[in-house]
Amino acid sequence: MFDYERASNNTARIIREVDGKRRKHPVYRFYDKEGDYICEVRYGDAAANALQRGLWTHSINGLKYFDSVTNGWIDYSHNLVLVKLFSHALVSTSAGHELALEKIKEDIESQKTKYGLKR
């Protein structure tokens, strides 16, 4: 989970970048007093993809501004399939969400059976 309050309190420098990677619109990158990356805000006109605008952070670069919702029990940092799952879920319909959820529930039940956790 991104700690917005901590990030906001620790922001020491904001850099506006307009060049790079076929960028048409500016990106504002936020850094703390140690020069560590916190997050960025991307802008665009009506032609820009709405999912590519707004507050962004590259979690691996802004790691000190994230807290684990599982207290470190589950580490998502290298689970690229999970990242892809979330990215697809953001643009799919609720019907697609329901189908995916059923498959995930089936997988959880099979794990319970496999490890003797099912009662």
PDB file of N, CA and C in Angstrom:
ATOM      1  N   MET A   1       0.844  -1.163   0.000  1.00  0.00           N
ATOM      2  CA  MET A   1       0.000   0.000   0.000  1.00  0.00           C
ATOM      3  C   MET A   1       0.896   1.234   0.000  1.00  0.00           C
ATOM      4  N   PHE A   2       0.612   2.193  -0.849  1.00  0.00           N
ATOM      5  CA  PHE A   2       1.398   3.411  -0.951  1.00  0.00           C
ATOM      6  C   PHE A   2       1.061   4.332   0.214  1.00  0.00           C
ATOM      7  N   ASP A   3       2.085   4.778   0.943  1.00  0.00           N
ATOM      8  CA  ASP A   3       1.904   5.657   2.097  1.00  0.00           C
ATOM      9  C   ASP A   3       1.922   7.110   1.609  1.00  0.00           C
ATOM     10  N   TYR A   4       0.767   7.567   1.147  1.00  0.00           N
ATOM     11  CA  TYR A   4       0.644   8.902   0.563  1.00  0.00           C
ATOM     12  C   TYR A   4       1.044   9.992   1.552  1.00  0.00           C
ATOM     13  N   GLU A   5       0.604   9.866   2.792  1.00  0.00           N
ATOM     14  CA  GLU A   5       0.897  10.895   3.793  1.00  0.00           C
ATOM     15  C   GLU A   5       2.409  11.019   4.024  1.00  0.00           C
ATOM     16  N   ARG A   6       3.078   9.898   4.184  1.00  0.00           N
ATOM     17  CA  ARG A   6       4.538   9.923   4.365  1.00  0.00           C
ATOM     18  C   ARG A   6       5.220  10.496   3.128  1.00  0.00           C
ATOM     19  N   ALA A   7       4.787  10.077   1.958  1.00  0.00           N
ATOM     20  CA  ALA A   7       5.358  10.580   0.713  1.00  0.00           C
ATOM     21  C   ALA A   7       5.167  12.090   0.610  1.00  0.00           C
ATOM     22  N   SER A   8       3.989  12.556   0.943  1.00  0.00           N
ATOM     23  CA  SER A   8       3.688  13.981   0.885  1.00  0.00           C
ATOM     24  C   SER A   8       4.561  14.773   1.857  1.00  0.00           C
ATOM     25  N   ASN A   9       4.706  14.262   3.077  1.00  0.00           N
ATOM     26  CA  ASN A   9       5.515  14.941   4.090  1.00  0.00           C
ATOM     27  C   ASN A   9       7.005  14.940   3.753  1.00  0.00           C
ATOM     28  N   ASN A  10       7.472  13.925   3.031  1.00  0.00           N
ATOM     29  CA  ASN A  10       8.897  13.796   2.739  1.00  0.00           C
ATOM     30  C   ASN A  10       9.318  14.377   1.392  1.00  0.00           C
ATOM     31  N   THR A  11       8.374  14.877   0.621  1.00  0.00           N
ATOM     32  CA  THR A  11       8.724  15.441  -0.680  1.00  0.00           C
ATOM     33  C   THR A  11       9.581  16.689  -0.492  1.00  0.00           C
ATOM     34  N   ALA A  12      10.774  16.637  -1.095  1.00  0.00           N
ATOM     35  CA  ALA A  12      11.702  17.766  -0.982  1.00  0.00           C
ATOM     36  C   ALA A  12      11.948  18.434  -2.327  1.00  0.00           C
ATOM     37  N   ARG A  13      11.736  17.700  -3.417  1.00  0.00           N
ATOM     38  CA  ARG A  13      12.041  18.246  -4.739  1.00  0.00           C
ATOM     39  C   ARG A  13      11.101  17.628  -5.765  1.00  0.00           C
ATOM     40  N   ILE A  14      10.647  18.464  -6.695  1.00  0.00           N
ATOM     41  CA  ILE A  14       9.806  18.008  -7.796  1.00  0.00           C
ATOM     42  C   ILE A  14      10.482  18.443  -9.089  1.00  0.00           C
ATOM     43  N   ILE A  15      10.684  17.497  -9.982  1.00  0.00           N
ATOM     44  CA  ILE A  15      11.355  17.794 -11.250  1.00  0.00           C
ATOM     45  C   ILE A  15      10.375  17.575 -12.394  1.00  0.00           C
ATOM     46  N   ARG A  16      10.265  18.576 -13.269  1.00  0.00           N
ATOM     47  CA  ARG A  16       9.407  18.479 -14.453  1.00  0.00           C
ATOM     48  C   ARG A  16      10.256  17.929 -15.592  1.00  0.00           C
ATOM     49  N   GLU A  17       9.786  16.836 -16.199  1.00  0.00           N
ATOM     50  CA  GLU A  17      10.495  16.229 -17.315  1.00  0.00           C
ATOM     51  C   GLU A  17       9.573  16.198 -18.519  1.00  0.00           C
ATOM     52  N   VAL A  18      10.100  16.642 -19.645  1.00  0.00           N
ATOM     53  CA  VAL A  18       9.302  16.661 -20.869  1.00  0.00           C
ATOM     54  C   VAL A  18       9.882  15.754 -21.948  1.00  0.00           C
ATOM     55  N   ASP A  19      11.152  15.396 -21.836  1.00  0.00           N
ATOM     56  CA  ASP A  19      11.803  14.566 -22.845  1.00  0.00           C
ATOM     57  C   ASP A  19      11.843  13.105 -22.425  1.00  0.00           C
ATOM     58  N   GLY A  20      11.855  12.238 -23.415  1.00  0.00           N
ATOM     59  CA  GLY A  20      12.071  10.827 -23.151  1.00  0.00           C
ATOM     60  C   GLY A  20      10.951   9.920 -23.586  1.00  0.00           C
ATOM     61  N   LYS A  21      11.324   8.795 -24.153  1.00  0.00           N
ATOM     62  CA  LYS A  21      10.418   7.694 -24.508  1.00  0.00           C
ATOM     63  C   LYS A  21       9.136   8.149 -25.205  1.00  0.00           C
ATOM     64  N   ARG A  22       9.288   8.906 -26.272  1.00  0.00           N
ATOM     65  CA  ARG A  22       8.138   9.352 -27.085  1.00  0.00           C
ATOM     66  C   ARG A  22       7.096  10.111 -26.276  1.00  0.00           C
ATOM     67  N   ARG A  23       7.498  10.728 -25.191  1.00  0.00           N
ATOM     68  CA  ARG A  23       6.568  11.437 -24.310  1.00  0.00           C
ATOM     69  C   ARG A  23       6.071  12.721 -24.991  1.00  0.00           C
ATOM     70  N   LYS A  24       4.762  12.915 -24.983  1.00  0.00           N
ATOM     71  CA  LYS A  24       4.157  14.126 -25.543  1.00  0.00           C
ATOM     72  C   LYS A  24       3.803  15.129 -24.446  1.00  0.00           C
ATOM     73  N   HIS A  25       3.649  14.637 -23.213  1.00  0.00           N
ATOM     74  CA  HIS A  25       3.183  15.472 -22.112  1.00  0.00           C
ATOM     75  C   HIS A  25       4.174  15.399 -20.949  1.00  0.00           C
ATOM     76  N   PRO A  26       4.202  16.417 -20.110  1.00  0.00           N
ATOM     77  CA  PRO A  26       5.185  16.432 -19.011  1.00  0.00           C
ATOM     78  C   PRO A  26       4.890  15.414 -17.912  1.00  0.00           C
ATOM     79  N   VAL A  27       5.961  15.035 -17.235  1.00  0.00           N
ATOM     80  CA  VAL A  27       5.896  14.164 -16.070  1.00  0.00           C
ATOM     81  C   VAL A  27       6.567  14.920 -14.940  1.00  0.00           C
ATOM     82  N   TYR A  28       5.944  14.945 -13.773  1.00  0.00           N
ATOM     83  CA  TYR A  28       6.529  15.580 -12.597  1.00  0.00           C
ATOM     84  C   TYR A  28       6.956  14.474 -11.639  1.00  0.00           C
ATOM     85  N   ARG A  29       8.278  14.364 -11.409  1.00  0.00           N
ATOM     86  CA  ARG A  29       8.807  13.328 -10.524  1.00  0.00           C
ATOM     87  C   ARG A  29       9.119  13.927  -9.162  1.00  0.00           C
ATOM     88  N   PHE A  30       8.703  13.212  -8.113  1.00  0.00           N
ATOM     89  CA  PHE A  30       8.853  13.665  -6.738  1.00  0.00           C
ATOM     90  C   PHE A  30       9.984  12.882  -6.068  1.00  0.00           C
ATOM     91  N   TYR A  31      10.847  13.611  -5.336  1.00  0.00           N
ATOM     92  CA  TYR A  31      11.991  13.017  -4.652  1.00  0.00           C
ATOM     93  C   TYR A  31      12.037  13.500  -3.207  1.00  0.00           C
ATOM     94  N   ASP A  32      12.611  12.670  -2.327  1.00  0.00           N
ATOM     95  CA  ASP A  32      12.775  13.080  -0.932  1.00  0.00           C
ATOM     96  C   ASP A  32      14.130  13.766  -0.750  1.00  0.00           C
ATOM     97  N   LYS A  33      14.451  14.175   0.480  1.00  0.00           N
ATOM     98  CA  LYS A  33      15.675  14.941   0.730  1.00  0.00           C
ATOM     99  C   LYS A  33      16.947  14.129   0.474  1.00  0.00           C
ATOM    100  N   GLU A  34      16.841  12.781   0.471  1.00  0.00           N
ATOM    101  CA  GLU A  34      17.987  11.931   0.147  1.00  0.00           C
ATOM    102  C   GLU A  34      18.138  11.745  -1.362  1.00  0.00           C
ATOM    103  N   GLY A  35      17.213  12.312  -2.116  1.00  0.00           N
ATOM    104  CA  GLY A  35      17.243  12.171  -3.574  1.00  0.00           C
ATOM    105  C   GLY A  35      16.582  10.896  -4.064  1.00  0.00           C
ATOM    106  N   ASP A  36      15.894  10.192  -3.170  1.00  0.00           N
ATOM    107  CA  ASP A  36      15.224   8.950  -3.548  1.00  0.00           C
ATOM    108  C   ASP A  36      13.871   9.239  -4.196  1.00  0.00           C
ATOM    109  N   TYR A  37      13.570   8.485  -5.225  1.00  0.00           N
ATOM    110  CA  TYR A  37      12.304   8.592  -5.955  1.00  0.00           C
ATOM    111  C   TYR A  37      11.140   8.251  -5.034  1.00  0.00           C
ATOM    112  N   ILE A  38      10.067   9.049  -5.136  1.00  0.00           N
ATOM    113  CA  ILE A  38       8.836   8.767  -4.380  1.00  0.00           C
ATOM    114  C   ILE A  38       7.732   8.346  -5.347  1.00  0.00           C
ATOM    115  N   CYS A  39       7.411   9.228  -6.278  1.00  0.00           N
ATOM    116  CA  CYS A  39       6.321   8.957  -7.208  1.00  0.00           C
ATOM    117  C   CYS A  39       6.404   9.947  -8.353  1.00  0.00           C
ATOM    118  N   GLU A  40       5.431   9.903  -9.228  1.00  0.00           N
ATOM    119  CA  GLU A  40       5.368  10.873 -10.317  1.00  0.00           C
ATOM    120  C   GLU A  40       3.912  11.141 -10.672  1.00  0.00           C
ATOM    121  N   VAL A  41       3.686  12.290 -11.271  1.00  0.00           N
ATOM    122  CA  VAL A  41       2.357  12.652 -11.752  1.00  0.00           C
ATOM    123  C   VAL A  41       2.480  12.887 -13.245  1.00  0.00           C
ATOM    124  N   ARG A  42       1.633  12.220 -14.005  1.00  0.00           N
ATOM    125  CA  ARG A  42       1.647  12.320 -15.461  1.00  0.00           C
ATOM    126  C   ARG A  42       0.415  13.072 -15.930  1.00  0.00           C
ATOM    127  N   TYR A  43       0.621  13.898 -16.927  1.00  0.00           N
ATOM    128  CA  TYR A  43      -0.468  14.685 -17.486  1.00  0.00           C
ATOM    129  C   TYR A  43      -0.665  14.332 -18.948  1.00  0.00           C
ATOM    130  N   GLY A  44      -1.792  14.711 -19.487  1.00  0.00           N
ATOM    131  CA  GLY A  44      -2.065  14.504 -20.897  1.00  0.00           C
ATOM    132  C   GLY A  44      -3.352  15.192 -21.281  1.00  0.00           C
ATOM    133  N   ASP A  45      -3.495  15.414 -22.570  1.00  0.00           N
ATOM    134  CA  ASP A  45      -4.726  16.046 -23.043  1.00  0.00           C
ATOM    135  C   ASP A  45      -5.793  14.975 -23.262  1.00  0.00           C
ATOM    136  N   ALA A  46      -6.866  15.336 -23.920  1.00  0.00           N
ATOM    137  CA  ALA A  46      -7.984  14.410 -24.107  1.00  0.00           C
ATOM    138  C   ALA A  46      -7.596  13.181 -24.924  1.00  0.00           C
ATOM    139  N   ALA A  47      -6.547  13.286 -25.733  1.00  0.00           N
ATOM    140  CA  ALA A  47      -6.113  12.157 -26.552  1.00  0.00           C
ATOM    141  C   ALA A  47      -5.309  11.131 -25.753  1.00  0.00           C
ATOM    142  N   ALA A  48      -4.843  11.511 -24.573  1.00  0.00           N
ATOM    143  CA  ALA A  48      -4.021  10.607 -23.763  1.00  0.00           C
ATOM    144  C   ALA A  48      -4.903   9.548 -23.099  1.00  0.00           C
ATOM    145  N   ASN A  49      -4.353   8.356 -22.954  1.00  0.00           N
ATOM    146  CA  ASN A  49      -5.049   7.260 -22.276  1.00  0.00           C
ATOM    147  C   ASN A  49      -5.273   7.652 -20.816  1.00  0.00           C
ATOM    148  N   ALA A  50      -6.504   7.590 -20.345  1.00  0.00           N
ATOM    149  CA  ALA A  50      -6.824   8.000 -18.976  1.00  0.00           C
ATOM    150  C   ALA A  50      -6.072   7.172 -17.941  1.00  0.00           C
ATOM    151  N   LEU A  51      -5.770   5.889 -18.252  1.00  0.00           N
ATOM    152  CA  LEU A  51      -5.043   5.042 -17.310  1.00  0.00           C
ATOM    153  C   LEU A  51      -3.565   5.402 -17.229  1.00  0.00           C
ATOM    154  N   GLN A  52      -3.091   6.257 -18.133  1.00  0.00           N
ATOM    155  CA  GLN A  52      -1.693   6.659 -18.135  1.00  0.00           C
ATOM    156  C   GLN A  52      -1.504   8.057 -17.541  1.00  0.00           C
ATOM    157  N   ARG A  53      -2.561   8.627 -16.978  1.00  0.00           N
ATOM    158  CA  ARG A  53      -2.467   9.951 -16.377  1.00  0.00           C
ATOM    159  C   ARG A  53      -2.650   9.840 -14.879  1.00  0.00           C
ATOM    160  N   GLY A  54      -2.233  10.879 -14.163  1.00  0.00           N
ATOM    161  CA  GLY A  54      -2.445  10.930 -12.725  1.00  0.00           C
ATOM    162  C   GLY A  54      -1.233  10.480 -11.938  1.00  0.00           C
ATOM    163  N   LEU A  55      -1.447  10.127 -10.665  1.00  0.00           N
ATOM    164  CA  LEU A  55      -0.371   9.720  -9.759  1.00  0.00           C
ATOM    165  C   LEU A  55       0.102   8.314 -10.105  1.00  0.00           C
ATOM    166  N   TRP A  56       1.399   8.178 -10.280  1.00  0.00           N
ATOM    167  CA  TRP A  56       2.035   6.893 -10.566  1.00  0.00           C
ATOM    168  C   TRP A  56       3.192   6.711  -9.617  1.00  0.00           C
ATOM    169  N   THR A  57       3.578   5.490  -9.393  1.00  0.00           N
ATOM    170  CA  THR A  57       4.841   5.205  -8.729  1.00  0.00           C
ATOM    171  C   THR A  57       5.349   3.863  -9.214  1.00  0.00           C
ATOM    172  N   HIS A  58       6.641   3.794  -9.426  1.00  0.00           N
ATOM    173  CA  HIS A  58       7.287   2.528  -9.749  1.00  0.00           C
ATOM    174  C   HIS A  58       7.661   1.933  -8.409  1.00  0.00           C
ATOM    175  N   SER A  59       6.868   0.975  -7.940  1.00  0.00           N
ATOM    176  CA  SER A  59       7.011   0.483  -6.568  1.00  0.00           C
ATOM    177  C   SER A  59       8.423   0.030  -6.238  1.00  0.00           C
ATOM    178  N   ILE A  60       9.130  -0.548  -7.188  1.00  0.00           N
ATOM    179  CA  ILE A  60      10.487  -1.008  -6.904  1.00  0.00           C
ATOM    180  C   ILE A  60      11.411   0.192  -6.645  1.00  0.00           C
ATOM    181  N   ASN A  61      11.133   1.343  -7.283  1.00  0.00           N
ATOM    182  CA  ASN A  61      11.948   2.548  -7.080  1.00  0.00           C
ATOM    183  C   ASN A  61      11.523   3.324  -5.841  1.00  0.00           C
ATOM    184  N   GLY A  62      10.263   3.267  -5.499  1.00  0.00           N
ATOM    185  CA  GLY A  62       9.739   3.999  -4.345  1.00  0.00           C
ATOM    186  C   GLY A  62       9.428   3.090  -3.178  1.00  0.00           C
ATOM    187  N   LEU A  63      10.180   2.015  -3.049  1.00  0.00           N
ATOM    188  CA  LEU A  63       9.880   0.959  -2.083  1.00  0.00           C
ATOM    189  C   LEU A  63       9.721   1.455  -0.650  1.00  0.00           C
ATOM    190  N   LYS A  64      10.493   2.459  -0.265  1.00  0.00           N
ATOM    191  CA  LYS A  64      10.395   2.916   1.126  1.00  0.00           C
ATOM    192  C   LYS A  64       9.096   3.664   1.418  1.00  0.00           C
ATOM    193  N   TYR A  65       8.286   3.911   0.392  1.00  0.00           N
ATOM    194  CA  TYR A  65       6.996   4.582   0.587  1.00  0.00           C
ATOM    195  C   TYR A  65       5.829   3.600   0.461  1.00  0.00           C
ATOM    196  N   PHE A  66       6.129   2.308   0.558  1.00  0.00           N
ATOM    197  CA  PHE A  66       5.108   1.271   0.508  1.00  0.00           C
ATOM    198  C   PHE A  66       5.143   0.446   1.779  1.00  0.00           C
ATOM    199  N   ASP A  67       3.970   0.012   2.232  1.00  0.00           N
ATOM    200  CA  ASP A  67       3.828  -0.919   3.342  1.00  0.00           C
ATOM    201  C   ASP A  67       3.122  -2.146   2.809  1.00  0.00           C
ATOM    202  N   SER A  68       3.516  -3.311   3.285  1.00  0.00           N
ATOM    203  CA  SER A  68       2.887  -4.551   2.867  1.00  0.00           C
ATOM    204  C   SER A  68       1.554  -4.710   3.602  1.00  0.00           C
ATOM    205  N   VAL A  69       0.498  -5.004   2.854  1.00  0.00           N
ATOM    206  CA  VAL A  69      -0.799  -5.237   3.487  1.00  0.00           C
ATOM    207  C   VAL A  69      -0.815  -6.573   4.213  1.00  0.00           C
ATOM    208  N   THR A  70       0.163  -7.448   3.904  1.00  0.00           N
ATOM    209  CA  THR A  70       0.239  -8.749   4.574  1.00  0.00           C
ATOM    210  C   THR A  70       1.382  -8.783   5.582  1.00  0.00           C
ATOM    211  N   ASN A  71       1.948  -7.606   5.871  1.00  0.00           N
ATOM    212  CA  ASN A  71       3.059  -7.500   6.817  1.00  0.00           C
ATOM    213  C   ASN A  71       4.260  -8.336   6.366  1.00  0.00           C
ATOM    214  N   GLY A  72       4.462  -8.407   5.042  1.00  0.00           N
ATOM    215  CA  GLY A  72       5.591  -9.129   4.486  1.00  0.00           C
ATOM    216  C   GLY A  72       5.363 -10.613   4.275  1.00  0.00           C
ATOM    217  N   TRP A  73       4.194 -11.119   4.696  1.00  0.00           N
ATOM    218  CA  TRP A  73       3.900 -12.544   4.550  1.00  0.00           C
ATOM    219  C   TRP A  73       3.901 -12.955   3.080  1.00  0.00           C
ATOM    220  N   ILE A  74       3.349 -12.086   2.221  1.00  0.00           N
ATOM    221  CA  ILE A  74       3.344 -12.329   0.785  1.00  0.00           C
ATOM    222  C   ILE A  74       4.142 -11.209   0.123  1.00  0.00           C
ATOM    223  N   ASP A  75       5.067 -11.572  -0.748  1.00  0.00           N
ATOM    224  CA  ASP A  75       5.907 -10.594  -1.443  1.00  0.00           C
ATOM    225  C   ASP A  75       5.500 -10.564  -2.911  1.00  0.00           C
ATOM    226  N   TYR A  76       4.968  -9.445  -3.354  1.00  0.00           N
ATOM    227  CA  TYR A  76       4.499  -9.317  -4.726  1.00  0.00           C
ATOM    228  C   TYR A  76       5.544  -8.739  -5.670  1.00  0.00           C
ATOM    229  N   SER A  77       6.716  -8.381  -5.167  1.00  0.00           N
ATOM    230  CA  SER A  77       7.670  -7.619  -5.966  1.00  0.00           C
ATOM    231  C   SER A  77       8.112  -8.322  -7.237  1.00  0.00           C
ATOM    232  N   HIS A  78       8.160  -9.664  -7.263  1.00  0.00           N
ATOM    233  CA  HIS A  78       8.621 -10.357  -8.456  1.00  0.00           C
ATOM    234  C   HIS A  78       7.534 -11.202  -9.104  1.00  0.00           C
ATOM    235  N   ASN A  79       6.303 -11.035  -8.687  1.00  0.00           N
ATOM    236  CA  ASN A  79       5.207 -11.819  -9.237  1.00  0.00           C
ATOM    237  C   ASN A  79       4.612 -11.069 -10.426  1.00  0.00           C
ATOM    238  N   LEU A  80       5.253 -11.219 -11.580  1.00  0.00           N
ATOM    239  CA  LEU A  80       4.823 -10.492 -12.770  1.00  0.00           C
ATOM    240  C   LEU A  80       3.455 -10.949 -13.262  1.00  0.00           C
ATOM    241  N   VAL A  81       3.091 -12.202 -12.982  1.00  0.00           N
ATOM    242  CA  VAL A  81       1.764 -12.687 -13.360  1.00  0.00           C
ATOM    243  C   VAL A  81       0.691 -11.935 -12.582  1.00  0.00           C
ATOM    244  N   LEU A  82       0.939 -11.688 -11.293  1.00  0.00           N
ATOM    245  CA  LEU A  82      -0.026 -10.944 -10.484  1.00  0.00           C
ATOM    246  C   LEU A  82      -0.157  -9.504 -10.986  1.00  0.00           C
ATOM    247  N   VAL A  83       0.947  -8.897 -11.341  1.00  0.00           N
ATOM    248  CA  VAL A  83       0.913  -7.538 -11.889  1.00  0.00           C
ATOM    249  C   VAL A  83       0.092  -7.528 -13.173  1.00  0.00           C
ATOM    250  N   LYS A  84       0.308  -8.519 -14.026  1.00  0.00           N
ATOM    251  CA  LYS A  84      -0.447  -8.605 -15.279  1.00  0.00           C
ATOM    252  C   LYS A  84      -1.933  -8.836 -15.006  1.00  0.00           C
ATOM    253  N   LEU A  85      -2.233  -9.677 -14.005  1.00  0.00           N
ATOM    254  CA  LEU A  85      -3.623  -9.935 -13.622  1.00  0.00           C
ATOM    255  C   LEU A  85      -4.323  -8.639 -13.225  1.00  0.00           C
ATOM    256  N   PHE A  86      -3.677  -7.852 -12.365  1.00  0.00           N
ATOM    257  CA  PHE A  86      -4.272  -6.581 -11.937  1.00  0.00           C
ATOM    258  C   PHE A  86      -4.437  -5.620 -13.111  1.00  0.00           C
ATOM    259  N   SER A  87      -3.445  -5.540 -13.985  1.00  0.00           N
ATOM    260  CA  SER A  87      -3.540  -4.621 -15.118  1.00  0.00           C
ATOM    261  C   SER A  87      -4.699  -4.997 -16.034  1.00  0.00           C
ATOM    262  N   HIS A  88      -4.919  -6.300 -16.228  1.00  0.00           N
ATOM    263  CA  HIS A  88      -6.042  -6.740 -17.046  1.00  0.00           C
ATOM    264  C   HIS A  88      -7.375  -6.521 -16.324  1.00  0.00           C
ATOM    265  N   ALA A  89      -7.386  -6.730 -15.009  1.00  0.00           N
ATOM    266  CA  ALA A  89      -8.617  -6.541 -14.239  1.00  0.00           C
ATOM    267  C   ALA A  89      -9.090  -5.090 -14.292  1.00  0.00           C
ATOM    268  N   LEU A  90      -8.148  -4.156 -14.382  1.00  0.00           N
ATOM    269  CA  LEU A  90      -8.516  -2.739 -14.417  1.00  0.00           C
ATOM    270  C   LEU A  90      -9.333  -2.372 -15.648  1.00  0.00           C
ATOM    271  N   VAL A  91      -9.165  -3.121 -16.733  1.00  0.00           N
ATOM    272  CA  VAL A  91      -9.868  -2.770 -17.965  1.00  0.00           C
ATOM    273  C   VAL A  91     -10.910  -3.812 -18.371  1.00  0.00           C
ATOM    274  N   SER A  92     -11.136  -4.816 -17.524  1.00  0.00           N
ATOM    275  CA  SER A  92     -12.135  -5.827 -17.851  1.00  0.00           C
ATOM    276  C   SER A  92     -13.475  -5.474 -17.200  1.00  0.00           C
ATOM    277  N   THR A  93     -14.498  -6.202 -17.582  1.00  0.00           N
ATOM    278  CA  THR A  93     -15.847  -5.947 -17.058  1.00  0.00           C
ATOM    279  C   THR A  93     -16.056  -6.679 -15.740  1.00  0.00           C
ATOM    280  N   SER A  94     -17.142  -6.362 -15.062  1.00  0.00           N
ATOM    281  CA  SER A  94     -17.455  -7.057 -13.806  1.00  0.00           C
ATOM    282  C   SER A  94     -17.739  -8.538 -14.070  1.00  0.00           C
ATOM    283  N   ALA A  95     -18.267  -8.869 -15.243  1.00  0.00           N
ATOM    284  CA  ALA A  95     -18.487 -10.279 -15.589  1.00  0.00           C
ATOM    285  C   ALA A  95     -17.144 -11.016 -15.669  1.00  0.00           C
ATOM    286  N   GLY A  96     -16.140 -10.368 -16.245  1.00  0.00           N
ATOM    287  CA  GLY A  96     -14.801 -10.940 -16.290  1.00  0.00           C
ATOM    288  C   GLY A  96     -14.211 -11.099 -14.905  1.00  0.00           C
ATOM    289  N   HIS A  97     -14.473 -10.125 -14.026  1.00  0.00           N
ATOM    290  CA  HIS A  97     -14.000 -10.205 -12.639  1.00  0.00           C
ATOM    291  C   HIS A  97     -14.607 -11.418 -11.933  1.00  0.00           C
ATOM    292  N   GLU A  98     -15.908 -11.631 -12.140  1.00  0.00           N
ATOM    293  CA  GLU A  98     -16.597 -12.760 -11.503  1.00  0.00           C
ATOM    294  C   GLU A  98     -16.025 -14.094 -11.963  1.00  0.00           C
ATOM    295  N   LEU A  99     -15.755 -14.232 -13.264  1.00  0.00           N
ATOM    296  CA  LEU A  99     -15.176 -15.479 -13.789  1.00  0.00           C
ATOM    297  C   LEU A  99     -13.782 -15.715 -13.209  1.00  0.00           C
ATOM    298  N   ALA A 100     -12.972 -14.669 -13.162  1.00  0.00           N
ATOM    299  CA  ALA A 100     -11.617 -14.791 -12.611  1.00  0.00           C
ATOM    300  C   ALA A 100     -11.674 -15.157 -11.134  1.00  0.00           C
ATOM    301  N   LEU A 101     -12.588 -14.542 -10.401  1.00  0.00           N
ATOM    302  CA  LEU A 101     -12.718 -14.816  -8.976  1.00  0.00           C
ATOM    303  C   LEU A 101     -13.090 -16.284  -8.732  1.00  0.00           C
ATOM    304  N   GLU A 102     -13.955 -16.837  -9.554  1.00  0.00           N
ATOM    305  CA  GLU A 102     -14.323 -18.247  -9.413  1.00  0.00           C
ATOM    306  C   GLU A 102     -13.107 -19.149  -9.608  1.00  0.00           C
ATOM    307  N   LYS A 103     -12.284 -18.854 -10.611  1.00  0.00           N
ATOM    308  CA  LYS A 103     -11.066 -19.640 -10.847  1.00  0.00           C
ATOM    309  C   LYS A 103     -10.106 -19.522  -9.664  1.00  0.00           C
ATOM    310  N   ILE A 104      -9.968 -18.339  -9.121  1.00  0.00           N
ATOM    311  CA  ILE A 104      -9.078 -18.123  -7.975  1.00  0.00           C
ATOM    312  C   ILE A 104      -9.592 -18.893  -6.760  1.00  0.00           C
ATOM    313  N   LYS A 105     -10.913 -18.873  -6.539  1.00  0.00           N
ATOM    314  CA  LYS A 105     -11.500 -19.627  -5.425  1.00  0.00           C
ATOM    315  C   LYS A 105     -11.249 -21.118  -5.582  1.00  0.00           C
ATOM    316  N   GLU A 106     -11.358 -21.628  -6.822  1.00  0.00           N
ATOM    317  CA  GLU A 106     -11.080 -23.044  -7.084  1.00  0.00           C
ATOM    318  C   GLU A 106      -9.626 -23.368  -6.724  1.00  0.00           C
ATOM    319  N   ASP A 107      -8.710 -22.490  -7.073  1.00  0.00           N
ATOM    320  CA  ASP A 107      -7.301 -22.701  -6.771  1.00  0.00           C
ATOM    321  C   ASP A 107      -7.055 -22.698  -5.263  1.00  0.00           C
ATOM    322  N   ILE A 108      -7.705 -21.811  -4.549  1.00  0.00           N
ATOM    323  CA  ILE A 108      -7.560 -21.754  -3.086  1.00  0.00           C
ATOM    324  C   ILE A 108      -8.062 -23.059  -2.465  1.00  0.00           C
ATOM    325  N   GLU A 109      -9.198 -23.548  -2.932  1.00  0.00           N
ATOM    326  CA  GLU A 109      -9.750 -24.798  -2.407  1.00  0.00           C
ATOM    327  C   GLU A 109      -8.810 -25.972  -2.675  1.00  0.00           C
ATOM    328  N   SER A 110      -8.188 -25.986  -3.863  1.00  0.00           N
ATOM    329  CA  SER A 110      -7.259 -27.081  -4.168  1.00  0.00           C
ATOM    330  C   SER A 110      -6.028 -27.024  -3.274  1.00  0.00           C
ATOM    331  N   GLN A 111      -5.592 -25.829  -2.905  1.00  0.00           N
ATOM    332  CA  GLN A 111      -4.466 -25.693  -1.983  1.00  0.00           C
ATOM    333  C   GLN A 111      -4.844 -26.189  -0.584  1.00  0.00           C
ATOM    334  N   LYS A 112      -6.057 -25.871  -0.149  1.00  0.00           N
ATOM    335  CA  LYS A 112      -6.524 -26.336   1.149  1.00  0.00           C
ATOM    336  C   LYS A 112      -6.537 -27.847   1.211  1.00  0.00           C
ATOM    337  N   THR A 113      -7.021 -28.463   0.128  1.00  0.00           N
ATOM    338  CA  THR A 113      -7.055 -29.923   0.061  1.00  0.00           C
ATOM    339  C   THR A 113      -5.641 -30.493   0.050  1.00  0.00           C
ATOM    340  N   LYS A 114      -4.789 -29.927  -0.762  1.00  0.00           N
ATOM    341  CA  LYS A 114      -3.413 -30.400  -0.897  1.00  0.00           C
ATOM    342  C   LYS A 114      -2.648 -30.356   0.431  1.00  0.00           C
ATOM    343  N   TYR A 115      -2.844 -29.308   1.190  1.00  0.00           N
ATOM    344  CA  TYR A 115      -2.095 -29.133   2.435  1.00  0.00           C
ATOM    345  C   TYR A 115      -2.878 -29.571   3.678  1.00  0.00           C
ATOM    346  N   GLY A 116      -4.007 -30.246   3.467  1.00  0.00           N
ATOM    347  CA  GLY A 116      -4.783 -30.771   4.589  1.00  0.00           C
ATOM    348  C   GLY A 116      -5.440 -29.710   5.437  1.00  0.00           C
ATOM    349  N   LEU A 117      -5.767 -28.574   4.847  1.00  0.00           N
ATOM    350  CA  LEU A 117      -6.384 -27.483   5.605  1.00  0.00           C
ATOM    351  C   LEU A 117      -7.908 -27.491   5.485  1.00  0.00           C
ATOM    352  N   LYS A 118      -8.409 -28.329   4.614  1.00  0.00           N
ATOM    353  CA  LYS A 118      -9.853 -28.376   4.389  1.00  0.00           C
ATOM    354  C   LYS A 118     -10.506 -29.220   5.476  1.00  0.00           C
ATOM    355  N   ARG A 119     -11.578 -28.712   6.042  1.00  0.00           N
ATOM    356  CA  ARG A 119     -12.289 -29.426   7.114  1.00  0.00           C
ATOM    357  C   ARG A 119     -13.570 -29.996   6.633  1.00  0.00           C
TER     358      ARG A 119
END
